[in-house]
N, C-alpha and C. Protein backbone atom coordinates (compact mmCIF):
# COMPACT_ATOMS: atom_id res chain seq x y z
N UNK A 1 0.85 -1.19 0.00
CA UNK A 1 0.00 0.00 0.00
C UNK A 1 0.89 1.25 0.00
N UNK A 2 0.52 2.20 -0.81
CA UNK A 2 1.26 3.47 -0.90
C UNK A 2 1.19 4.21 0.43
N UNK A 3 2.33 4.74 0.90
CA UNK A 3 2.38 5.40 2.20
C UNK A 3 2.11 6.90 2.12
N UNK A 4 1.81 7.43 0.94
CA UNK A 4 1.58 8.87 0.85
C UNK A 4 0.21 9.23 1.43
N UNK A 5 0.09 10.47 1.81
CA UNK A 5 -1.16 10.98 2.37
C UNK A 5 -2.22 11.01 1.27
N UNK A 6 -3.38 10.55 1.60
CA UNK A 6 -4.50 10.56 0.65
C UNK A 6 -5.59 11.44 1.23
N UNK A 7 -6.05 12.41 0.44
CA UNK A 7 -7.10 13.33 0.89
C UNK A 7 -8.30 13.20 -0.03
N UNK A 8 -9.45 13.30 0.55
CA UNK A 8 -10.69 13.26 -0.20
C UNK A 8 -11.51 14.49 0.15
N UNK A 9 -12.11 15.11 -0.84
CA UNK A 9 -13.08 16.17 -0.61
C UNK A 9 -14.44 15.55 -0.94
N UNK A 10 -15.27 15.41 0.07
CA UNK A 10 -16.50 14.66 -0.06
C UNK A 10 -17.66 15.55 -0.51
N UNK A 11 -17.63 15.94 -1.79
CA UNK A 11 -18.65 16.83 -2.35
C UNK A 11 -19.96 16.12 -2.66
N UNK A 12 -19.87 14.83 -2.96
CA UNK A 12 -21.06 14.11 -3.39
C UNK A 12 -20.95 12.64 -2.97
N UNK A 13 -22.01 11.88 -3.23
CA UNK A 13 -22.04 10.47 -2.83
C UNK A 13 -20.93 9.67 -3.49
N UNK A 14 -20.65 9.95 -4.75
CA UNK A 14 -19.58 9.24 -5.47
C UNK A 14 -18.23 9.42 -4.75
N UNK A 15 -17.90 10.66 -4.37
CA UNK A 15 -16.64 10.93 -3.67
C UNK A 15 -16.62 10.26 -2.30
N UNK A 16 -17.76 10.27 -1.61
CA UNK A 16 -17.84 9.60 -0.31
C UNK A 16 -17.59 8.10 -0.46
N UNK A 17 -18.18 7.51 -1.50
CA UNK A 17 -17.97 6.08 -1.74
C UNK A 17 -16.52 5.77 -2.08
N UNK A 18 -15.88 6.64 -2.86
CA UNK A 18 -14.45 6.46 -3.16
C UNK A 18 -13.62 6.45 -1.88
N UNK A 19 -13.95 7.34 -0.97
CA UNK A 19 -13.24 7.42 0.31
C UNK A 19 -13.45 6.14 1.12
N UNK A 20 -14.69 5.70 1.21
CA UNK A 20 -15.00 4.48 1.96
C UNK A 20 -14.27 3.29 1.34
N UNK A 21 -14.27 3.19 0.01
CA UNK A 21 -13.56 2.09 -0.66
C UNK A 21 -12.08 2.11 -0.34
N UNK A 22 -11.50 3.30 -0.33
CA UNK A 22 -10.08 3.43 0.00
C UNK A 22 -9.81 2.96 1.43
N UNK A 23 -10.66 3.36 2.35
CA UNK A 23 -10.49 2.95 3.75
C UNK A 23 -10.64 1.44 3.87
N UNK A 24 -11.55 0.85 3.13
CA UNK A 24 -11.72 -0.61 3.16
C UNK A 24 -10.44 -1.31 2.70
N UNK A 25 -9.75 -0.74 1.71
CA UNK A 25 -8.49 -1.33 1.24
C UNK A 25 -7.43 -1.30 2.33
N UNK A 26 -7.48 -0.29 3.18
CA UNK A 26 -6.50 -0.17 4.26
C UNK A 26 -6.67 -1.25 5.31
N UNK A 27 -7.85 -1.83 5.41
CA UNK A 27 -8.09 -2.83 6.44
C UNK A 27 -7.26 -4.09 6.21
N UNK A 28 -6.69 -4.25 5.03
CA UNK A 28 -5.85 -5.40 4.73
C UNK A 28 -4.42 -5.19 5.21
N UNK A 29 -4.15 -4.02 5.74
CA UNK A 29 -2.81 -3.68 6.22
C UNK A 29 -2.80 -3.71 7.74
N UNK A 30 -1.66 -4.08 8.30
CA UNK A 30 -1.52 -4.08 9.75
C UNK A 30 -1.05 -2.74 10.29
N UNK A 31 -0.77 -1.79 9.39
CA UNK A 31 -0.29 -0.48 9.82
C UNK A 31 -1.43 0.38 10.34
N UNK A 32 -1.17 1.17 11.39
CA UNK A 32 -2.21 2.09 11.86
C UNK A 32 -2.31 3.31 10.92
N UNK A 33 -3.50 3.86 10.83
CA UNK A 33 -3.73 5.05 10.03
C UNK A 33 -4.53 6.05 10.86
N UNK A 34 -4.45 7.30 10.49
CA UNK A 34 -5.22 8.35 11.14
C UNK A 34 -6.21 8.90 10.12
N UNK A 35 -7.46 9.03 10.53
CA UNK A 35 -8.50 9.59 9.67
C UNK A 35 -9.05 10.81 10.37
N UNK A 36 -9.09 11.93 9.66
CA UNK A 36 -9.63 13.18 10.20
C UNK A 36 -10.77 13.62 9.30
N UNK A 37 -11.91 13.86 9.88
CA UNK A 37 -13.06 14.37 9.13
C UNK A 37 -13.36 15.77 9.66
N UNK A 38 -13.38 16.75 8.76
CA UNK A 38 -13.69 18.12 9.17
C UNK A 38 -14.36 18.83 8.01
N UNK A 39 -15.11 19.86 8.32
CA UNK A 39 -15.74 20.64 7.23
C UNK A 39 -14.65 21.24 6.34
N UNK A 40 -14.89 21.24 5.06
CA UNK A 40 -13.93 21.78 4.11
C UNK A 40 -14.24 23.25 3.88
N UNK A 41 -13.23 24.09 4.04
CA UNK A 41 -13.39 25.52 3.87
C UNK A 41 -12.50 25.95 2.72
N UNK A 42 -13.03 25.90 1.52
CA UNK A 42 -12.24 26.17 0.32
C UNK A 42 -11.62 27.55 0.31
N UNK A 43 -12.32 28.56 0.84
CA UNK A 43 -11.79 29.92 0.75
C UNK A 43 -10.50 30.09 1.55
N UNK A 44 -10.26 29.21 2.51
CA UNK A 44 -9.04 29.34 3.31
C UNK A 44 -7.90 28.44 2.85
N UNK A 45 -8.11 27.73 1.76
CA UNK A 45 -7.09 26.82 1.27
C UNK A 45 -6.49 27.36 -0.02
N UNK A 46 -5.19 27.33 -0.11
CA UNK A 46 -4.61 27.73 -1.39
C UNK A 46 -4.86 26.61 -2.39
N UNK A 47 -4.95 26.97 -3.61
CA UNK A 47 -5.28 26.00 -4.64
C UNK A 47 -4.07 25.13 -4.96
N UNK A 48 -4.34 24.01 -5.56
CA UNK A 48 -3.26 23.11 -5.98
C UNK A 48 -2.40 23.82 -7.02
N UNK A 49 -3.04 24.56 -7.93
CA UNK A 49 -2.27 25.31 -8.94
C UNK A 49 -1.37 26.34 -8.28
N UNK A 50 -1.88 27.05 -7.28
CA UNK A 50 -1.07 28.03 -6.55
C UNK A 50 0.13 27.33 -5.93
N UNK A 51 -0.13 26.24 -5.25
CA UNK A 51 0.92 25.51 -4.56
C UNK A 51 1.96 25.00 -5.55
N UNK A 52 1.51 24.42 -6.65
CA UNK A 52 2.45 23.90 -7.66
C UNK A 52 3.29 25.02 -8.26
N UNK A 53 2.66 26.14 -8.55
CA UNK A 53 3.40 27.28 -9.12
C UNK A 53 4.43 27.81 -8.12
N UNK A 54 4.03 27.92 -6.85
CA UNK A 54 4.96 28.40 -5.83
C UNK A 54 6.19 27.50 -5.75
N UNK A 55 5.97 26.19 -5.65
CA UNK A 55 7.11 25.29 -5.50
C UNK A 55 7.95 25.23 -6.77
N UNK A 56 7.35 25.47 -7.93
CA UNK A 56 8.13 25.56 -9.17
C UNK A 56 9.07 26.77 -9.10
N UNK A 57 8.54 27.90 -8.68
CA UNK A 57 9.36 29.11 -8.55
C UNK A 57 10.50 28.86 -7.56
N UNK A 58 10.17 28.30 -6.41
CA UNK A 58 11.19 28.03 -5.38
C UNK A 58 12.23 27.06 -5.91
N UNK A 59 11.81 26.00 -6.58
CA UNK A 59 12.74 24.99 -7.12
C UNK A 59 13.68 25.60 -8.15
N UNK A 60 13.11 26.39 -9.08
CA UNK A 60 13.92 27.03 -10.12
C UNK A 60 14.98 27.95 -9.49
N UNK A 61 14.55 28.80 -8.57
CA UNK A 61 15.48 29.74 -7.95
C UNK A 61 16.49 29.02 -7.06
N UNK A 62 16.05 28.02 -6.33
CA UNK A 62 16.97 27.27 -5.45
C UNK A 62 18.07 26.62 -6.27
N UNK A 63 17.71 26.07 -7.41
CA UNK A 63 18.72 25.46 -8.28
C UNK A 63 19.72 26.50 -8.77
N UNK A 64 19.25 27.69 -9.04
CA UNK A 64 20.12 28.78 -9.51
C UNK A 64 21.05 29.25 -8.39
N UNK A 65 20.53 29.36 -7.18
CA UNK A 65 21.28 29.90 -6.05
C UNK A 65 22.19 28.86 -5.41
N UNK A 66 21.72 27.60 -5.39
CA UNK A 66 22.49 26.55 -4.72
C UNK A 66 21.90 26.14 -3.38
N UNK A 67 20.70 26.61 -3.09
CA UNK A 67 19.97 26.19 -1.89
C UNK A 67 19.16 24.94 -2.21
N UNK A 68 18.72 24.24 -1.17
CA UNK A 68 17.68 23.24 -1.36
C UNK A 68 16.36 23.99 -1.43
N UNK A 69 15.31 23.34 -1.90
CA UNK A 69 14.01 24.00 -1.97
C UNK A 69 13.52 24.38 -0.57
N UNK A 70 13.75 23.50 0.40
CA UNK A 70 13.31 23.81 1.77
C UNK A 70 14.08 24.98 2.37
N UNK A 71 15.37 25.07 2.06
CA UNK A 71 16.16 26.20 2.56
C UNK A 71 15.64 27.52 1.98
N UNK A 72 15.42 27.54 0.66
CA UNK A 72 14.94 28.78 0.05
C UNK A 72 13.53 29.12 0.53
N UNK A 73 12.69 28.12 0.69
CA UNK A 73 11.35 28.36 1.22
C UNK A 73 11.45 29.02 2.60
N UNK A 74 12.30 28.50 3.45
CA UNK A 74 12.48 29.08 4.79
C UNK A 74 13.00 30.50 4.73
N UNK A 75 13.97 30.74 3.84
CA UNK A 75 14.52 32.08 3.68
C UNK A 75 13.43 33.05 3.24
N UNK A 76 12.61 32.64 2.29
CA UNK A 76 11.53 33.51 1.79
C UNK A 76 10.49 33.75 2.88
N UNK A 77 10.16 32.73 3.65
CA UNK A 77 9.20 32.92 4.75
C UNK A 77 9.70 33.97 5.72
N UNK A 78 10.97 33.88 6.10
CA UNK A 78 11.53 34.85 7.04
C UNK A 78 11.60 36.24 6.41
N UNK A 79 12.10 36.30 5.18
CA UNK A 79 12.29 37.60 4.54
C UNK A 79 10.97 38.31 4.25
N UNK A 80 9.94 37.58 3.89
CA UNK A 80 8.70 38.21 3.48
C UNK A 80 7.64 38.20 4.57
N UNK A 81 7.51 37.08 5.28
CA UNK A 81 6.47 36.98 6.32
C UNK A 81 6.98 37.36 7.70
N UNK A 82 8.28 37.23 7.90
CA UNK A 82 8.86 37.56 9.19
C UNK A 82 8.96 36.35 10.12
N UNK A 83 9.10 36.64 11.39
CA UNK A 83 9.28 35.57 12.38
C UNK A 83 8.36 35.80 13.58
N UNK A 84 8.20 34.75 14.34
CA UNK A 84 7.53 34.80 15.63
C UNK A 84 8.51 34.34 16.68
N UNK A 85 8.40 34.87 17.88
CA UNK A 85 9.22 34.42 18.99
C UNK A 85 8.47 33.33 19.73
N UNK A 86 9.14 32.18 19.89
CA UNK A 86 8.56 31.08 20.67
C UNK A 86 9.59 30.65 21.70
N UNK A 87 9.13 29.93 22.69
CA UNK A 87 10.03 29.41 23.71
C UNK A 87 10.37 27.97 23.38
N UNK A 88 11.67 27.67 23.30
CA UNK A 88 12.06 26.29 23.00
C UNK A 88 11.96 25.42 24.25
N UNK A 89 12.31 24.16 24.13
CA UNK A 89 12.16 23.23 25.24
C UNK A 89 13.08 23.54 26.42
N UNK A 90 14.11 24.33 26.18
CA UNK A 90 15.00 24.74 27.26
C UNK A 90 14.54 26.04 27.92
N UNK A 91 13.40 26.56 27.48
CA UNK A 91 12.87 27.78 28.05
C UNK A 91 13.45 29.04 27.46
N UNK A 92 14.23 28.92 26.37
CA UNK A 92 14.85 30.08 25.74
C UNK A 92 13.96 30.60 24.61
N UNK A 93 13.94 31.90 24.45
CA UNK A 93 13.19 32.52 23.36
C UNK A 93 13.97 32.35 22.05
N UNK A 94 13.30 31.85 21.03
CA UNK A 94 13.92 31.68 19.71
C UNK A 94 12.97 32.23 18.65
N UNK A 95 13.55 32.67 17.55
CA UNK A 95 12.76 33.18 16.42
C UNK A 95 12.55 32.04 15.43
N UNK A 96 11.30 31.89 14.99
CA UNK A 96 10.98 30.89 13.96
C UNK A 96 10.23 31.59 12.84
N UNK A 97 10.40 31.07 11.64
CA UNK A 97 9.74 31.65 10.47
C UNK A 97 8.24 31.49 10.57
N UNK A 98 7.52 32.52 10.15
CA UNK A 98 6.07 32.40 9.99
C UNK A 98 5.86 31.52 8.76
N UNK A 99 5.00 30.53 8.88
CA UNK A 99 4.80 29.57 7.82
C UNK A 99 3.67 29.96 6.87
N UNK A 100 3.76 29.51 5.63
CA UNK A 100 2.75 29.82 4.63
C UNK A 100 1.47 29.01 4.83
N UNK A 101 1.52 27.95 5.61
CA UNK A 101 0.34 27.09 5.77
C UNK A 101 -0.84 27.82 6.40
N UNK A 102 -0.58 28.90 7.11
CA UNK A 102 -1.66 29.65 7.73
C UNK A 102 -2.26 30.73 6.84
N UNK A 103 -1.75 30.86 5.62
CA UNK A 103 -2.23 31.90 4.72
C UNK A 103 -3.45 31.43 3.94
N UNK A 104 -4.43 32.34 3.76
CA UNK A 104 -5.57 32.00 2.91
C UNK A 104 -5.17 32.25 1.46
N UNK A 105 -6.10 32.03 0.54
CA UNK A 105 -5.81 32.13 -0.89
C UNK A 105 -5.27 33.50 -1.26
N UNK A 106 -5.93 34.55 -0.80
CA UNK A 106 -5.51 35.90 -1.15
C UNK A 106 -4.15 36.24 -0.54
N UNK A 107 -3.95 35.88 0.72
CA UNK A 107 -2.66 36.14 1.38
C UNK A 107 -1.54 35.37 0.71
N UNK A 108 -1.82 34.13 0.33
CA UNK A 108 -0.79 33.32 -0.32
C UNK A 108 -0.46 33.90 -1.70
N UNK A 109 -1.46 34.37 -2.42
CA UNK A 109 -1.21 34.98 -3.73
C UNK A 109 -0.31 36.21 -3.58
N UNK A 110 -0.58 37.04 -2.57
CA UNK A 110 0.25 38.21 -2.31
C UNK A 110 1.67 37.80 -1.93
N UNK A 111 1.79 36.81 -1.06
CA UNK A 111 3.10 36.29 -0.66
C UNK A 111 3.87 35.80 -1.89
N UNK A 112 3.19 35.04 -2.75
CA UNK A 112 3.84 34.49 -3.93
C UNK A 112 4.33 35.60 -4.86
N UNK A 113 3.53 36.65 -5.02
CA UNK A 113 3.95 37.79 -5.85
C UNK A 113 5.21 38.43 -5.28
N UNK A 114 5.25 38.58 -3.97
CA UNK A 114 6.42 39.18 -3.32
C UNK A 114 7.65 38.29 -3.45
N UNK A 115 7.46 36.98 -3.32
CA UNK A 115 8.57 36.03 -3.50
C UNK A 115 9.12 36.14 -4.91
N UNK A 116 8.22 36.09 -5.88
CA UNK A 116 8.63 36.16 -7.28
C UNK A 116 9.36 37.47 -7.57
N UNK A 117 8.82 38.58 -7.10
CA UNK A 117 9.46 39.88 -7.34
C UNK A 117 10.84 39.94 -6.69
N UNK A 118 10.95 39.40 -5.48
CA UNK A 118 12.23 39.40 -4.76
C UNK A 118 13.27 38.58 -5.53
N UNK A 119 12.87 37.42 -6.01
CA UNK A 119 13.80 36.53 -6.72
C UNK A 119 14.17 37.08 -8.09
N UNK A 120 13.21 37.72 -8.78
CA UNK A 120 13.50 38.34 -10.07
C UNK A 120 14.48 39.49 -9.88
N UNK A 121 14.20 40.34 -8.88
CA UNK A 121 15.06 41.49 -8.61
C UNK A 121 16.49 41.06 -8.27
N UNK A 122 16.61 39.95 -7.55
CA UNK A 122 17.93 39.45 -7.18
C UNK A 122 18.61 38.70 -8.33
N UNK A 123 17.88 38.48 -9.43
CA UNK A 123 18.46 37.82 -10.60
C UNK A 123 18.47 36.30 -10.49
N UNK A 124 17.66 35.73 -9.62
CA UNK A 124 17.68 34.28 -9.43
C UNK A 124 16.48 33.55 -10.01
N UNK A 125 15.59 34.29 -10.65
CA UNK A 125 14.41 33.64 -11.23
C UNK A 125 13.96 34.40 -12.45
N UNK A 126 13.62 33.66 -13.52
CA UNK A 126 13.15 34.26 -14.76
C UNK A 126 11.77 33.67 -15.08
N UNK A 127 10.69 34.44 -14.91
CA UNK A 127 9.36 33.89 -15.15
C UNK A 127 9.13 33.46 -16.58
N UNK A 128 9.93 33.98 -17.53
CA UNK A 128 9.79 33.56 -18.92
C UNK A 128 10.15 32.08 -19.11
N UNK A 129 10.90 31.52 -18.15
CA UNK A 129 11.29 30.12 -18.26
C UNK A 129 10.17 29.19 -17.80
N UNK A 130 9.08 29.77 -17.34
CA UNK A 130 8.00 28.98 -16.76
C UNK A 130 6.88 28.76 -17.77
N UNK A 131 6.52 27.50 -17.98
CA UNK A 131 5.37 27.18 -18.83
C UNK A 131 4.36 26.42 -18.01
N UNK A 132 3.12 26.50 -18.38
CA UNK A 132 2.02 25.87 -17.64
C UNK A 132 2.29 24.38 -17.40
N UNK A 133 2.85 23.70 -18.35
CA UNK A 133 3.08 22.27 -18.23
C UNK A 133 4.12 21.90 -17.18
N UNK A 134 4.95 22.85 -16.79
CA UNK A 134 6.02 22.55 -15.83
C UNK A 134 5.52 22.44 -14.41
N UNK A 135 4.41 23.04 -14.11
CA UNK A 135 3.90 22.97 -12.76
C UNK A 135 2.50 22.46 -12.82
């Protein structure tokens, strides 16, 4: 059985049945799984296209700069979104990057525009190299 995360949006009976069928297939495995059911709030989720485009931009620029995609993502989060102060397990205050996962569609679109502009200005990304099929 594939170990990747599987998500279902249960818009109709057909989608609900697909989900149930998938869960039934898992019963043949001895591995534990976690199932979370919650109302879907589309307006607060960035789209798959947005996400794919963002990671394409980050991947292209990271390859140019010499960072990993995760390193450049972290750098962009700090540079554009800033940081929060949290207390680590030793009781010390540390700064951590504000993450993109808390951004809604509009906020993520604005963040992405700022990332792209920052990388273009620094000479590490060329949007002309991007075609729809790549992301």
